[in-house]
């Protein structure tokens, strides 16, 4: 039992597990921001563009009778195919995906990129000027003896 607890402790305290937990918590908070942006900013504008059409109320009754709303059909015990809800969910997903994409692009522009370190210059043979290994004592191009480097 102690071995199992020790393994769990080792797993739970790994850096990547803790990083993932922090990411999940930040993601939960960020999802509230994005949902509010979509519901409170973009959806009203989209409603103006579409003339106030509410797609979530679109449905097909799969039984006998005509019903004005999904609720009326459900009260009558008739099954409904709520394709409007699906369309609304797809629109919500697309708007959320656009918001997240824009946010990631903004963050990546703000994030300072590290300059790559230049590779060290290769050691050259003093006789033929060809690159040679750092520990070489002879040039494999011209077979000249390479003097030891002074440090």
N, C-alpha and C. Protein backbone atom coordinates (compact mmCIF):
# COMPACT_ATOMS: atom_id res chain seq x y z
N UNK A 1 0.83 -1.19 0.00
CA UNK A 1 0.00 0.00 0.00
C UNK A 1 0.87 1.26 0.00
N UNK A 2 1.98 1.23 0.79
CA UNK A 2 2.88 2.39 0.82
C UNK A 2 3.52 2.63 -0.54
N UNK A 3 3.85 1.51 -1.23
CA UNK A 3 4.45 1.64 -2.55
C UNK A 3 3.47 2.30 -3.53
N UNK A 4 2.22 1.88 -3.44
CA UNK A 4 1.19 2.45 -4.31
C UNK A 4 1.00 3.94 -4.01
N UNK A 5 0.96 4.31 -2.74
CA UNK A 5 0.83 5.72 -2.37
C UNK A 5 2.04 6.53 -2.82
N UNK A 6 3.23 5.93 -2.70
CA UNK A 6 4.45 6.60 -3.14
C UNK A 6 4.44 6.84 -4.65
N UNK A 7 3.98 5.83 -5.42
CA UNK A 7 3.89 5.99 -6.86
C UNK A 7 2.87 7.06 -7.23
N UNK A 8 1.74 7.07 -6.51
CA UNK A 8 0.72 8.09 -6.79
C UNK A 8 1.26 9.49 -6.49
N UNK A 9 1.95 9.63 -5.36
CA UNK A 9 2.51 10.93 -4.98
C UNK A 9 3.52 11.39 -6.04
N UNK A 10 4.35 10.46 -6.50
CA UNK A 10 5.35 10.79 -7.52
C UNK A 10 4.66 11.24 -8.81
N UNK A 11 3.57 10.54 -9.18
CA UNK A 11 2.81 10.90 -10.38
C UNK A 11 2.11 12.24 -10.23
N UNK A 12 1.44 12.43 -9.10
CA UNK A 12 0.63 13.64 -8.89
C UNK A 12 1.47 14.90 -8.77
N UNK A 13 2.69 14.76 -8.29
CA UNK A 13 3.52 15.94 -8.10
C UNK A 13 4.48 16.20 -9.25
N UNK A 14 4.36 15.44 -10.32
CA UNK A 14 5.17 15.72 -11.50
C UNK A 14 4.78 17.08 -12.04
N UNK A 15 5.72 17.76 -12.62
CA UNK A 15 5.47 19.10 -13.14
C UNK A 15 4.38 19.14 -14.20
N UNK A 16 4.38 18.16 -15.12
CA UNK A 16 3.39 18.22 -16.19
C UNK A 16 1.97 17.96 -15.70
N UNK A 17 1.80 17.19 -14.64
CA UNK A 17 0.46 16.97 -14.09
C UNK A 17 -0.05 18.24 -13.43
N UNK A 18 0.81 18.91 -12.69
CA UNK A 18 0.41 20.16 -12.05
C UNK A 18 0.14 21.23 -13.12
N UNK A 19 0.98 21.29 -14.15
CA UNK A 19 0.74 22.23 -15.25
C UNK A 19 -0.60 21.97 -15.92
N UNK A 20 -0.92 20.68 -16.11
CA UNK A 20 -2.19 20.33 -16.73
C UNK A 20 -3.36 20.75 -15.84
N UNK A 21 -3.23 20.56 -14.53
CA UNK A 21 -4.29 20.96 -13.62
C UNK A 21 -4.51 22.47 -13.65
N UNK A 22 -3.43 23.21 -13.67
CA UNK A 22 -3.54 24.67 -13.76
C UNK A 22 -4.19 25.06 -15.09
N UNK A 23 -3.80 24.39 -16.16
CA UNK A 23 -4.40 24.66 -17.47
C UNK A 23 -5.89 24.39 -17.50
N UNK A 24 -6.32 23.32 -16.84
CA UNK A 24 -7.75 23.00 -16.79
C UNK A 24 -8.50 24.08 -16.02
N UNK A 25 -7.94 24.54 -14.91
CA UNK A 25 -8.60 25.59 -14.12
C UNK A 25 -8.68 26.90 -14.90
N UNK A 26 -7.60 27.27 -15.56
CA UNK A 26 -7.61 28.50 -16.36
C UNK A 26 -8.56 28.34 -17.54
N UNK A 27 -8.58 27.15 -18.13
CA UNK A 27 -9.51 26.88 -19.23
C UNK A 27 -10.96 27.02 -18.81
N UNK A 28 -11.28 26.55 -17.60
CA UNK A 28 -12.64 26.69 -17.09
C UNK A 28 -13.03 28.15 -16.92
N UNK A 29 -12.12 28.94 -16.39
CA UNK A 29 -12.39 30.37 -16.22
C UNK A 29 -12.46 31.06 -17.58
N UNK A 30 -11.59 30.69 -18.50
CA UNK A 30 -11.57 31.29 -19.83
C UNK A 30 -12.83 30.95 -20.60
N UNK A 31 -13.35 29.73 -20.39
CA UNK A 31 -14.57 29.34 -21.11
C UNK A 31 -15.75 30.22 -20.71
N UNK A 32 -15.79 30.67 -19.45
CA UNK A 32 -16.86 31.58 -19.02
C UNK A 32 -16.75 32.91 -19.76
N UNK A 33 -15.53 33.39 -19.93
CA UNK A 33 -15.31 34.65 -20.64
C UNK A 33 -15.75 34.53 -22.09
N UNK A 34 -15.33 33.44 -22.74
CA UNK A 34 -15.67 33.24 -24.15
C UNK A 34 -17.17 33.04 -24.32
N UNK A 35 -17.80 32.27 -23.42
CA UNK A 35 -19.24 32.07 -23.50
C UNK A 35 -19.99 33.38 -23.34
N UNK A 36 -19.55 34.22 -22.42
CA UNK A 36 -20.18 35.52 -22.24
C UNK A 36 -19.98 36.39 -23.48
N UNK A 37 -18.80 36.36 -24.05
CA UNK A 37 -18.52 37.14 -25.27
C UNK A 37 -19.45 36.70 -26.40
N UNK A 38 -19.62 35.39 -26.55
CA UNK A 38 -20.48 34.88 -27.62
C UNK A 38 -21.94 35.23 -27.34
N UNK A 39 -22.42 34.93 -26.12
CA UNK A 39 -23.84 35.12 -25.80
C UNK A 39 -24.23 36.59 -25.66
N UNK A 40 -23.35 37.40 -25.10
CA UNK A 40 -23.71 38.79 -24.78
C UNK A 40 -23.25 39.82 -25.81
N UNK A 41 -22.32 39.45 -26.67
CA UNK A 41 -21.82 40.41 -27.66
C UNK A 41 -22.13 39.95 -29.09
N UNK A 42 -21.66 38.73 -29.45
CA UNK A 42 -21.79 38.30 -30.84
C UNK A 42 -23.20 37.85 -31.21
N UNK A 43 -23.89 37.12 -30.33
CA UNK A 43 -25.23 36.63 -30.67
C UNK A 43 -26.23 37.76 -30.88
N UNK A 44 -26.23 38.83 -30.06
CA UNK A 44 -27.15 39.94 -30.37
C UNK A 44 -26.86 40.59 -31.72
N UNK A 45 -25.58 40.73 -32.06
CA UNK A 45 -25.23 41.30 -33.38
C UNK A 45 -25.69 40.35 -34.49
N UNK A 46 -25.47 39.05 -34.31
CA UNK A 46 -25.91 38.07 -35.29
C UNK A 46 -27.43 38.07 -35.41
N UNK A 47 -28.12 38.28 -34.30
CA UNK A 47 -29.58 38.35 -34.31
C UNK A 47 -30.06 39.55 -35.13
N UNK A 48 -29.34 40.68 -35.03
CA UNK A 48 -29.68 41.85 -35.84
C UNK A 48 -29.49 41.56 -37.33
N UNK A 49 -28.41 40.87 -37.66
CA UNK A 49 -28.10 40.56 -39.06
C UNK A 49 -29.13 39.60 -39.64
N UNK A 50 -29.57 38.61 -38.86
CA UNK A 50 -30.52 37.61 -39.36
C UNK A 50 -31.97 38.04 -39.17
N UNK A 51 -32.19 39.24 -38.70
CA UNK A 51 -33.55 39.73 -38.52
C UNK A 51 -34.24 39.16 -37.29
N UNK A 52 -33.49 38.82 -36.28
CA UNK A 52 -34.07 38.31 -35.03
C UNK A 52 -34.51 36.87 -35.09
N UNK A 53 -34.07 36.13 -36.12
CA UNK A 53 -34.47 34.72 -36.25
C UNK A 53 -33.81 33.88 -35.17
N UNK A 54 -34.62 33.10 -34.48
CA UNK A 54 -34.11 32.22 -33.43
C UNK A 54 -34.13 30.80 -33.97
N UNK A 55 -32.95 30.29 -34.32
CA UNK A 55 -32.89 28.96 -34.92
C UNK A 55 -33.21 27.85 -33.93
N UNK A 56 -33.05 28.11 -32.64
CA UNK A 56 -33.26 27.04 -31.66
C UNK A 56 -34.72 26.60 -31.57
N UNK A 57 -35.64 27.36 -32.14
CA UNK A 57 -37.06 26.98 -32.08
C UNK A 57 -37.50 26.16 -33.30
N UNK A 58 -36.60 25.87 -34.22
CA UNK A 58 -36.94 25.09 -35.41
C UNK A 58 -36.98 23.61 -35.05
N UNK A 59 -38.05 22.92 -35.48
CA UNK A 59 -38.18 21.49 -35.19
C UNK A 59 -39.15 20.85 -36.16
N UNK A 60 -39.14 19.53 -36.19
CA UNK A 60 -40.10 18.75 -36.96
C UNK A 60 -40.75 17.78 -36.00
N UNK A 61 -42.09 17.78 -35.98
CA UNK A 61 -42.82 16.84 -35.13
C UNK A 61 -42.82 15.48 -35.83
N UNK A 62 -42.47 14.43 -35.09
CA UNK A 62 -42.38 13.09 -35.66
C UNK A 62 -43.64 12.27 -35.38
N UNK A 63 -44.72 12.96 -35.12
CA UNK A 63 -45.99 12.29 -34.86
C UNK A 63 -47.12 13.06 -35.52
N UNK A 64 -48.33 12.68 -35.20
CA UNK A 64 -49.52 13.31 -35.76
C UNK A 64 -49.76 14.67 -35.12
N UNK A 65 -50.18 15.63 -35.90
CA UNK A 65 -50.58 16.92 -35.38
C UNK A 65 -49.62 18.04 -35.74
N UNK A 66 -50.14 19.26 -35.60
CA UNK A 66 -49.36 20.47 -35.84
C UNK A 66 -49.11 21.14 -34.49
N UNK A 67 -47.88 21.55 -34.24
CA UNK A 67 -47.53 22.16 -32.97
C UNK A 67 -46.74 23.44 -33.24
N UNK A 68 -47.04 24.46 -32.46
CA UNK A 68 -46.38 25.76 -32.64
C UNK A 68 -44.99 25.77 -32.02
N UNK A 69 -44.82 25.05 -30.92
CA UNK A 69 -43.53 25.04 -30.23
C UNK A 69 -43.13 23.62 -29.88
N UNK A 70 -41.85 23.47 -29.57
CA UNK A 70 -41.33 22.17 -29.13
C UNK A 70 -42.01 21.76 -27.83
N UNK A 71 -42.22 22.73 -26.94
CA UNK A 71 -42.84 22.42 -25.66
C UNK A 71 -44.26 21.88 -25.83
N UNK A 72 -45.01 22.45 -26.78
CA UNK A 72 -46.37 21.98 -27.04
C UNK A 72 -46.36 20.55 -27.56
N UNK A 73 -45.40 20.24 -28.41
CA UNK A 73 -45.29 18.88 -28.94
C UNK A 73 -44.91 17.91 -27.83
N UNK A 74 -44.02 18.31 -26.94
CA UNK A 74 -43.60 17.43 -25.85
C UNK A 74 -44.75 17.20 -24.87
N UNK A 75 -45.56 18.25 -24.62
CA UNK A 75 -46.71 18.09 -23.74
C UNK A 75 -47.72 17.11 -24.33
N UNK A 76 -47.83 17.08 -25.65
CA UNK A 76 -48.75 16.16 -26.32
C UNK A 76 -48.14 14.76 -26.43
N UNK A 77 -46.87 14.61 -26.02
CA UNK A 77 -46.22 13.29 -26.07
C UNK A 77 -45.70 12.92 -27.44
N UNK A 78 -45.49 13.91 -28.29
CA UNK A 78 -45.00 13.65 -29.64
C UNK A 78 -43.48 13.88 -29.67
N UNK A 79 -42.79 12.94 -30.29
CA UNK A 79 -41.33 13.08 -30.44
C UNK A 79 -41.03 14.18 -31.44
N UNK A 80 -39.93 14.89 -31.22
CA UNK A 80 -39.55 15.98 -32.12
C UNK A 80 -38.10 15.84 -32.55
N UNK A 81 -37.85 16.28 -33.75
CA UNK A 81 -36.48 16.37 -34.27
C UNK A 81 -36.10 17.84 -34.20
N UNK A 82 -35.26 18.19 -33.22
CA UNK A 82 -34.93 19.59 -32.93
C UNK A 82 -33.69 20.02 -33.70
N UNK A 83 -33.81 20.15 -35.00
CA UNK A 83 -32.65 20.53 -35.82
C UNK A 83 -32.23 21.97 -35.57
N UNK A 84 -33.10 22.81 -35.11
CA UNK A 84 -32.76 24.20 -34.81
C UNK A 84 -31.78 24.31 -33.65
N UNK A 85 -31.96 23.46 -32.65
CA UNK A 85 -31.03 23.43 -31.52
C UNK A 85 -29.64 23.03 -31.99
N UNK A 86 -29.60 22.06 -32.92
CA UNK A 86 -28.31 21.63 -33.47
C UNK A 86 -27.65 22.78 -34.24
N UNK A 87 -28.43 23.49 -35.05
CA UNK A 87 -27.89 24.63 -35.81
C UNK A 87 -27.36 25.69 -34.85
N UNK A 88 -28.11 25.95 -33.79
CA UNK A 88 -27.68 26.95 -32.79
C UNK A 88 -26.37 26.52 -32.11
N UNK A 89 -26.26 25.23 -31.80
CA UNK A 89 -25.04 24.71 -31.17
C UNK A 89 -23.85 24.83 -32.11
N UNK A 90 -24.05 24.55 -33.40
CA UNK A 90 -22.97 24.69 -34.38
C UNK A 90 -22.54 26.16 -34.50
N UNK A 91 -23.50 27.08 -34.52
CA UNK A 91 -23.18 28.51 -34.58
C UNK A 91 -22.40 28.92 -33.33
N UNK A 92 -22.85 28.46 -32.16
CA UNK A 92 -22.13 28.76 -30.91
C UNK A 92 -20.70 28.24 -30.98
N UNK A 93 -20.55 27.00 -31.46
CA UNK A 93 -19.20 26.41 -31.56
C UNK A 93 -18.32 27.24 -32.48
N UNK A 94 -18.84 27.61 -33.64
CA UNK A 94 -18.03 28.38 -34.60
C UNK A 94 -17.63 29.74 -34.01
N UNK A 95 -18.54 30.40 -33.33
CA UNK A 95 -18.21 31.69 -32.72
C UNK A 95 -17.17 31.52 -31.61
N UNK A 96 -17.33 30.49 -30.80
CA UNK A 96 -16.35 30.23 -29.74
C UNK A 96 -14.99 29.90 -30.33
N UNK A 97 -14.98 29.09 -31.39
CA UNK A 97 -13.71 28.73 -32.04
C UNK A 97 -13.03 29.97 -32.61
N UNK A 98 -13.79 30.88 -33.21
CA UNK A 98 -13.22 32.12 -33.75
C UNK A 98 -12.65 32.97 -32.63
N UNK A 99 -13.37 33.06 -31.51
CA UNK A 99 -12.88 33.86 -30.37
C UNK A 99 -11.58 33.28 -29.82
N UNK A 100 -11.54 31.97 -29.66
CA UNK A 100 -10.33 31.34 -29.12
C UNK A 100 -9.17 31.51 -30.10
N UNK A 101 -9.44 31.35 -31.39
CA UNK A 101 -8.39 31.55 -32.40
C UNK A 101 -7.83 32.97 -32.33
N UNK A 102 -8.72 33.96 -32.24
CA UNK A 102 -8.27 35.36 -32.17
C UNK A 102 -7.48 35.60 -30.89
N UNK A 103 -7.91 35.02 -29.78
CA UNK A 103 -7.20 35.19 -28.51
C UNK A 103 -5.81 34.56 -28.57
N UNK A 104 -5.71 33.37 -29.14
CA UNK A 104 -4.40 32.70 -29.25
C UNK A 104 -3.47 33.50 -30.16
N UNK A 105 -4.01 34.04 -31.26
CA UNK A 105 -3.19 34.86 -32.15
C UNK A 105 -2.69 36.11 -31.43
N UNK A 106 -3.56 36.73 -30.63
CA UNK A 106 -3.17 37.93 -29.87
C UNK A 106 -2.07 37.59 -28.87
N UNK A 107 -2.25 36.51 -28.13
CA UNK A 107 -1.26 36.10 -27.14
C UNK A 107 0.07 35.77 -27.81
N UNK A 108 0.02 35.08 -28.96
CA UNK A 108 1.28 34.73 -29.63
C UNK A 108 2.01 35.97 -30.14
N UNK A 109 1.27 37.02 -30.51
CA UNK A 109 1.93 38.26 -30.92
C UNK A 109 2.55 38.98 -29.74
N UNK A 110 1.90 38.88 -28.57
CA UNK A 110 2.43 39.53 -27.38
C UNK A 110 3.60 38.78 -26.77
N UNK A 111 3.66 37.49 -27.02
CA UNK A 111 4.73 36.65 -26.46
C UNK A 111 6.03 36.95 -27.18
N UNK A 112 7.05 37.32 -26.42
CA UNK A 112 8.34 37.67 -27.00
C UNK A 112 9.05 36.38 -27.42
N UNK A 113 9.47 36.35 -28.67
CA UNK A 113 10.17 35.17 -29.19
C UNK A 113 11.65 35.25 -28.83
N UNK A 114 12.19 34.12 -28.43
CA UNK A 114 13.61 34.06 -28.11
C UNK A 114 14.41 33.96 -29.40
N UNK A 115 15.48 34.70 -29.44
CA UNK A 115 16.39 34.62 -30.58
C UNK A 115 17.20 33.34 -30.48
N UNK A 116 17.27 32.57 -31.56
CA UNK A 116 18.09 31.35 -31.50
C UNK A 116 19.56 31.70 -31.36
N UNK A 117 20.25 30.92 -30.55
CA UNK A 117 21.68 31.16 -30.36
C UNK A 117 22.41 30.72 -31.62
N UNK A 118 23.37 31.52 -32.07
CA UNK A 118 24.10 31.12 -33.27
C UNK A 118 24.98 29.91 -32.97
N UNK A 119 25.08 29.04 -33.96
CA UNK A 119 25.91 27.85 -33.80
C UNK A 119 27.37 28.28 -33.75
N UNK A 120 28.17 27.60 -32.93
CA UNK A 120 29.58 27.97 -32.87
C UNK A 120 30.26 27.71 -34.21
N UNK A 121 31.21 28.56 -34.55
CA UNK A 121 31.91 28.41 -35.82
C UNK A 121 32.71 27.11 -35.81
N UNK A 122 32.67 26.36 -36.92
CA UNK A 122 33.42 25.10 -36.95
C UNK A 122 34.92 25.35 -36.93
N UNK A 123 35.65 24.43 -36.39
CA UNK A 123 37.12 24.49 -36.37
C UNK A 123 37.62 24.20 -37.79
N UNK A 124 38.55 25.01 -38.26
CA UNK A 124 39.07 24.85 -39.63
C UNK A 124 40.52 24.42 -39.61
N UNK A 125 40.87 23.62 -40.59
CA UNK A 125 42.26 23.20 -40.75
C UNK A 125 43.08 24.43 -41.17
N UNK A 126 44.22 24.70 -40.48
CA UNK A 126 45.02 25.88 -40.83
C UNK A 126 45.69 25.77 -42.20
N UNK A 127 45.70 24.59 -42.79
CA UNK A 127 46.40 24.39 -44.05
C UNK A 127 45.45 24.41 -45.26
N UNK A 128 44.34 23.66 -45.16
CA UNK A 128 43.41 23.60 -46.31
C UNK A 128 42.09 24.33 -46.05
N UNK A 129 41.92 24.84 -44.84
CA UNK A 129 40.72 25.62 -44.45
C UNK A 129 39.42 24.84 -44.55
N UNK A 130 39.48 23.53 -44.44
CA UNK A 130 38.28 22.69 -44.42
C UNK A 130 37.86 22.46 -42.97
N UNK A 131 36.56 22.26 -42.71
CA UNK A 131 36.12 22.01 -41.33
C UNK A 131 36.63 20.66 -40.84
N UNK A 132 37.01 20.64 -39.55
CA UNK A 132 37.50 19.41 -38.94
C UNK A 132 36.87 19.26 -37.56
N UNK A 133 36.91 18.05 -37.02
CA UNK A 133 36.35 17.78 -35.70
C UNK A 133 37.18 18.50 -34.65
N UNK A 134 36.54 18.85 -33.54
CA UNK A 134 37.21 19.59 -32.47
C UNK A 134 38.38 18.79 -31.87
N UNK A 135 38.25 17.49 -31.78
CA UNK A 135 39.29 16.67 -31.16
C UNK A 135 40.28 16.09 -32.16
N UNK A 136 40.16 16.47 -33.42
CA UNK A 136 41.03 15.90 -34.46
C UNK A 136 42.48 16.35 -34.27
N UNK A 137 43.39 15.42 -34.54
CA UNK A 137 44.82 15.76 -34.51
C UNK A 137 45.39 15.79 -35.93
N UNK A 138 44.63 15.26 -36.88
CA UNK A 138 45.00 15.32 -38.30
C UNK A 138 43.77 15.71 -39.11
N UNK A 139 43.99 16.45 -40.16
CA UNK A 139 42.90 16.84 -41.06
C UNK A 139 42.57 15.67 -41.97
N UNK A 140 41.31 15.32 -42.06
CA UNK A 140 40.93 14.19 -42.92
C UNK A 140 40.82 14.61 -44.39
N UNK A 141 41.00 15.90 -44.67
CA UNK A 141 40.99 16.37 -46.06
C UNK A 141 42.40 16.36 -46.65
N UNK A 142 43.35 16.97 -45.91
CA UNK A 142 44.71 17.09 -46.46
C UNK A 142 45.73 16.28 -45.67
N UNK A 143 45.33 15.61 -44.64
CA UNK A 143 46.15 14.76 -43.74
C UNK A 143 47.25 15.52 -43.01
N UNK A 144 47.16 16.82 -42.93
CA UNK A 144 48.14 17.60 -42.19
C UNK A 144 47.94 17.41 -40.71
N UNK A 145 49.03 17.47 -39.96
CA UNK A 145 48.92 17.42 -38.50
C UNK A 145 48.39 18.75 -38.01
N UNK A 146 47.45 18.67 -37.11
CA UNK A 146 46.81 19.87 -36.59
C UNK A 146 47.48 20.20 -35.25
N UNK A 147 47.98 21.41 -35.10
CA UNK A 147 48.57 21.77 -33.82
C UNK A 147 47.47 21.86 -32.74
N UNK A 148 47.80 21.53 -31.52
CA UNK A 148 46.85 21.59 -30.41
C UNK A 148 46.40 23.04 -30.22
N UNK A 149 45.11 23.21 -29.93
CA UNK A 149 44.58 24.56 -29.72
C UNK A 149 45.00 25.09 -28.38
N UNK A 150 45.32 26.35 -28.34
CA UNK A 150 45.68 27.01 -27.06
C UNK A 150 44.40 27.50 -26.43
N UNK A 151 44.28 27.28 -25.12
CA UNK A 151 43.07 27.72 -24.43
C UNK A 151 43.37 28.75 -23.42
